[in-house]
Amino acid sequence: MINGILWRTRTGSPWRDPPECYGRWETVYGRHRRWSIDGTWEKILDQLRAGCDETEGGDWTTSVDSTVNRAHQHVAGAPHAAAADVPKGWT
């Protein structure tokens, strides 16, 4: 179950697309949602942090993000014409 949740998080795929080896997608999604609401993920992280240095442990955090942000073509350096209402030399 945990591997199915981590697979989905790692790949960024839709919840409905896990490989069959992880079971039904509804079960994987339901467990993830329930554990997110009841604080189980926080308890797991706390247990993983328990073995680290007391001075460093409180600063640990995790972030999983597969977001890709792309700039619009005008921001990315694509050639463009100056606006008609901008005075010459202000481009």
N, C-alpha and C. Protein backbone atom coordinates (compact mmCIF):
# COMPACT_ATOMS: atom_id res chain seq x y z
N MET A 1 0.83 -1.19 0.00
CA MET A 1 0.00 0.00 0.00
C MET A 1 0.87 1.25 0.00
N ILE A 2 1.86 1.29 0.88
CA ILE A 2 2.74 2.46 0.95
C ILE A 2 3.50 2.63 -0.36
N ASN A 3 3.96 1.51 -0.93
CA ASN A 3 4.66 1.61 -2.22
C ASN A 3 3.76 2.18 -3.30
N GLY A 4 2.48 1.84 -3.29
CA GLY A 4 1.55 2.40 -4.27
C GLY A 4 1.38 3.90 -4.09
N ILE A 5 1.29 4.34 -2.85
CA ILE A 5 1.16 5.77 -2.57
C ILE A 5 2.43 6.50 -2.99
N LEU A 6 3.58 5.93 -2.63
CA LEU A 6 4.85 6.56 -3.00
C LEU A 6 5.07 6.55 -4.51
N TRP A 7 4.65 5.48 -5.18
CA TRP A 7 4.77 5.43 -6.64
C TRP A 7 3.98 6.57 -7.26
N ARG A 8 2.75 6.74 -6.81
CA ARG A 8 1.90 7.80 -7.36
C ARG A 8 2.50 9.18 -7.09
N THR A 9 3.03 9.37 -5.89
CA THR A 9 3.63 10.66 -5.52
C THR A 9 4.90 10.91 -6.35
N ARG A 10 5.71 9.87 -6.51
CA ARG A 10 6.96 10.01 -7.24
C ARG A 10 6.73 10.29 -8.73
N THR A 11 5.75 9.62 -9.32
CA THR A 11 5.53 9.77 -10.77
C THR A 11 4.62 10.92 -11.12
N GLY A 12 3.77 11.34 -10.18
CA GLY A 12 2.83 12.41 -10.47
C GLY A 12 1.68 11.97 -11.36
N SER A 13 1.51 10.67 -11.50
CA SER A 13 0.43 10.17 -12.34
C SER A 13 -0.92 10.32 -11.64
N PRO A 14 -2.00 10.22 -12.39
CA PRO A 14 -3.33 10.28 -11.76
C PRO A 14 -3.52 9.09 -10.82
N TRP A 15 -4.40 9.27 -9.83
CA TRP A 15 -4.66 8.20 -8.87
C TRP A 15 -5.17 6.94 -9.55
N ARG A 16 -5.85 7.07 -10.66
CA ARG A 16 -6.45 5.92 -11.33
C ARG A 16 -5.47 5.09 -12.14
N ASP A 17 -4.17 5.47 -12.17
CA ASP A 17 -3.23 4.79 -13.05
C ASP A 17 -2.11 3.99 -12.39
N PRO A 18 -2.24 3.52 -11.15
CA PRO A 18 -1.11 2.77 -10.59
C PRO A 18 -1.01 1.39 -11.24
N PRO A 19 0.18 0.80 -11.26
CA PRO A 19 0.32 -0.57 -11.77
C PRO A 19 -0.53 -1.54 -10.93
N GLU A 20 -0.93 -2.63 -11.53
CA GLU A 20 -1.80 -3.59 -10.86
C GLU A 20 -1.17 -4.18 -9.60
N CYS A 21 0.16 -4.20 -9.51
CA CYS A 21 0.82 -4.80 -8.35
C CYS A 21 0.52 -4.04 -7.05
N TYR A 22 0.02 -2.81 -7.14
CA TYR A 22 -0.30 -2.03 -5.94
C TYR A 22 -1.76 -2.17 -5.53
N GLY A 23 -2.52 -2.93 -6.25
CA GLY A 23 -3.92 -3.14 -5.90
C GLY A 23 -4.84 -2.13 -6.57
N ARG A 24 -6.07 -2.10 -6.08
CA ARG A 24 -7.07 -1.20 -6.66
C ARG A 24 -6.72 0.25 -6.34
N TRP A 25 -6.92 1.13 -7.31
CA TRP A 25 -6.57 2.54 -7.10
C TRP A 25 -7.41 3.17 -6.01
N GLU A 26 -8.67 2.72 -5.88
CA GLU A 26 -9.55 3.29 -4.86
C GLU A 26 -9.01 3.01 -3.46
N THR A 27 -8.43 1.83 -3.28
CA THR A 27 -7.86 1.46 -1.99
C THR A 27 -6.62 2.29 -1.69
N VAL A 28 -5.76 2.44 -2.67
CA VAL A 28 -4.54 3.22 -2.49
C VAL A 28 -4.89 4.67 -2.18
N TYR A 29 -5.80 5.24 -2.94
CA TYR A 29 -6.22 6.63 -2.72
C TYR A 29 -6.89 6.80 -1.36
N GLY A 30 -7.78 5.87 -1.03
CA GLY A 30 -8.50 5.95 0.23
C GLY A 30 -7.57 5.90 1.43
N ARG A 31 -6.58 5.01 1.38
CA ARG A 31 -5.63 4.90 2.48
C ARG A 31 -4.81 6.18 2.60
N HIS A 32 -4.34 6.71 1.47
CA HIS A 32 -3.56 7.95 1.50
C HIS A 32 -4.39 9.09 2.09
N ARG A 33 -5.60 9.22 1.65
CA ARG A 33 -6.48 10.29 2.14
C ARG A 33 -6.75 10.14 3.63
N ARG A 34 -7.06 8.93 4.06
CA ARG A 34 -7.34 8.70 5.48
C ARG A 34 -6.11 9.00 6.34
N TRP A 35 -4.93 8.55 5.88
CA TRP A 35 -3.71 8.80 6.64
C TRP A 35 -3.34 10.28 6.65
N SER A 36 -3.68 11.00 5.58
CA SER A 36 -3.42 12.44 5.56
C SER A 36 -4.30 13.17 6.56
N ILE A 37 -5.55 12.75 6.66
CA ILE A 37 -6.50 13.41 7.55
C ILE A 37 -6.22 13.09 9.02
N ASP A 38 -5.91 11.82 9.33
CA ASP A 38 -5.76 11.43 10.74
C ASP A 38 -4.36 11.63 11.31
N GLY A 39 -3.42 12.13 10.50
CA GLY A 39 -2.09 12.45 11.01
C GLY A 39 -1.09 11.30 10.97
N THR A 40 -1.43 10.20 10.30
CA THR A 40 -0.53 9.05 10.24
C THR A 40 0.77 9.40 9.54
N TRP A 41 0.71 10.19 8.46
CA TRP A 41 1.95 10.57 7.76
C TRP A 41 2.87 11.36 8.68
N GLU A 42 2.32 12.23 9.52
CA GLU A 42 3.14 12.98 10.46
C GLU A 42 3.78 12.05 11.48
N LYS A 43 3.03 11.04 11.94
CA LYS A 43 3.58 10.07 12.90
C LYS A 43 4.72 9.28 12.27
N ILE A 44 4.55 8.89 11.00
CA ILE A 44 5.61 8.16 10.30
C ILE A 44 6.86 9.03 10.19
N LEU A 45 6.70 10.29 9.81
CA LEU A 45 7.84 11.19 9.72
C LEU A 45 8.50 11.38 11.07
N ASP A 46 7.72 11.52 12.12
CA ASP A 46 8.29 11.66 13.47
C ASP A 46 9.10 10.43 13.86
N GLN A 47 8.62 9.24 13.52
CA GLN A 47 9.37 8.02 13.83
C GLN A 47 10.66 7.95 13.02
N LEU A 48 10.62 8.41 11.77
CA LEU A 48 11.84 8.42 10.96
C LEU A 48 12.86 9.42 11.50
N ARG A 49 12.36 10.52 12.06
CA ARG A 49 13.25 11.53 12.63
C ARG A 49 13.79 11.13 14.00
N ALA A 50 13.16 10.18 14.66
CA ALA A 50 13.50 9.83 16.04
C ALA A 50 14.97 9.43 16.19
N GLY A 51 15.55 8.83 15.19
CA GLY A 51 16.93 8.36 15.29
C GLY A 51 17.97 9.40 14.95
N CYS A 52 17.59 10.57 14.51
CA CYS A 52 18.58 11.58 14.11
C CYS A 52 19.01 12.40 15.31
N ASP A 53 20.00 13.21 15.13
CA ASP A 53 20.50 14.08 16.20
C ASP A 53 19.37 14.94 16.76
N GLU A 54 19.35 15.10 18.06
CA GLU A 54 18.34 15.95 18.69
C GLU A 54 18.45 17.39 18.20
N THR A 55 19.66 17.84 17.89
CA THR A 55 19.84 19.22 17.45
C THR A 55 19.36 19.45 16.03
N GLU A 56 19.36 18.41 15.21
CA GLU A 56 18.95 18.55 13.81
C GLU A 56 17.53 18.09 13.55
N GLY A 57 17.02 17.18 14.36
CA GLY A 57 15.74 16.53 14.09
C GLY A 57 14.57 17.47 13.91
N GLY A 58 14.47 18.53 14.71
CA GLY A 58 13.34 19.44 14.62
C GLY A 58 13.29 20.23 13.33
N ASP A 59 14.42 20.34 12.66
CA ASP A 59 14.48 21.12 11.43
C ASP A 59 14.19 20.29 10.18
N TRP A 60 14.04 19.00 10.34
CA TRP A 60 13.80 18.13 9.19
C TRP A 60 12.40 18.36 8.64
N THR A 61 12.30 18.33 7.35
CA THR A 61 11.00 18.37 6.69
C THR A 61 11.13 17.65 5.36
N THR A 62 10.03 17.27 4.78
CA THR A 62 10.06 16.65 3.46
C THR A 62 9.17 17.43 2.53
N SER A 63 9.55 17.41 1.29
CA SER A 63 8.74 18.06 0.28
C SER A 63 8.86 17.25 -1.00
N VAL A 64 7.76 16.84 -1.52
CA VAL A 64 7.74 16.08 -2.75
C VAL A 64 6.91 16.86 -3.74
N ASP A 65 7.54 17.25 -4.84
CA ASP A 65 6.85 18.07 -5.81
C ASP A 65 7.41 17.77 -7.19
N SER A 66 6.57 17.49 -8.12
CA SER A 66 7.01 17.25 -9.48
C SER A 66 6.48 18.32 -10.43
N THR A 67 6.17 19.48 -9.89
CA THR A 67 5.62 20.56 -10.69
C THR A 67 6.68 21.13 -11.63
N VAL A 68 6.27 21.39 -12.84
CA VAL A 68 7.14 22.05 -13.80
C VAL A 68 6.42 23.32 -14.24
N ASN A 69 7.04 24.45 -13.99
CA ASN A 69 6.46 25.73 -14.40
C ASN A 69 7.24 26.27 -15.57
N ARG A 70 6.57 26.56 -16.61
CA ARG A 70 7.23 27.11 -17.79
C ARG A 70 6.73 28.54 -17.99
N ALA A 71 7.67 29.38 -18.39
CA ALA A 71 7.31 30.77 -18.64
C ALA A 71 6.63 30.87 -20.01
N HIS A 72 5.81 31.88 -20.16
CA HIS A 72 5.18 32.15 -21.45
C HIS A 72 6.28 32.48 -22.45
N GLN A 73 6.03 32.27 -23.71
CA GLN A 73 7.05 32.48 -24.73
C GLN A 73 7.58 33.92 -24.74
N HIS A 74 6.77 34.90 -24.36
CA HIS A 74 7.24 36.27 -24.35
C HIS A 74 8.24 36.51 -23.23
N VAL A 75 8.10 35.78 -22.15
CA VAL A 75 9.03 35.92 -21.04
C VAL A 75 10.31 35.14 -21.30
N ALA A 76 10.22 34.11 -22.10
CA ALA A 76 11.33 33.20 -22.32
C ALA A 76 12.32 33.70 -23.37
N GLY A 77 12.19 34.92 -23.83
CA GLY A 77 13.16 35.47 -24.77
C GLY A 77 12.77 35.35 -26.22
N ALA A 78 11.54 34.96 -26.52
CA ALA A 78 11.10 34.87 -27.90
C ALA A 78 11.05 36.28 -28.49
N PRO A 79 11.41 36.42 -29.76
CA PRO A 79 11.35 37.75 -30.36
C PRO A 79 9.92 38.28 -30.38
N HIS A 80 9.78 39.57 -30.13
CA HIS A 80 8.47 40.19 -30.15
C HIS A 80 8.61 41.66 -30.55
N ALA A 81 7.53 42.20 -31.06
CA ALA A 81 7.51 43.60 -31.46
C ALA A 81 7.19 44.47 -30.24
N ALA A 82 7.75 45.67 -30.20
CA ALA A 82 7.46 46.59 -29.11
C ALA A 82 6.01 47.05 -29.18
N ALA A 83 5.43 47.37 -28.06
CA ALA A 83 4.06 47.87 -28.04
C ALA A 83 3.98 49.21 -28.76
N ALA A 84 2.85 49.46 -29.40
CA ALA A 84 2.68 50.67 -30.20
C ALA A 84 2.68 51.93 -29.35
N ASP A 85 2.25 51.87 -28.09
CA ASP A 85 2.14 53.09 -27.27
C ASP A 85 3.40 53.36 -26.42
N VAL A 86 4.47 52.58 -26.61
CA VAL A 86 5.70 52.81 -25.85
C VAL A 86 6.60 53.76 -26.64
N PRO A 87 7.08 54.85 -26.02
CA PRO A 87 7.95 55.77 -26.74
C PRO A 87 9.24 55.08 -27.20
N LYS A 88 9.83 55.58 -28.28
CA LYS A 88 11.06 54.99 -28.81
C LYS A 88 12.15 55.09 -27.75
N GLY A 89 12.97 54.03 -27.68
CA GLY A 89 14.05 53.99 -26.73
C GLY A 89 13.66 53.38 -25.40
N TRP A 90 12.38 53.06 -25.17
CA TRP A 90 11.92 52.49 -23.90
C TRP A 90 11.68 50.98 -24.00
N THR A 91 12.16 50.32 -25.03
CA THR A 91 11.86 48.90 -25.21
C THR A 91 12.71 48.01 -24.37
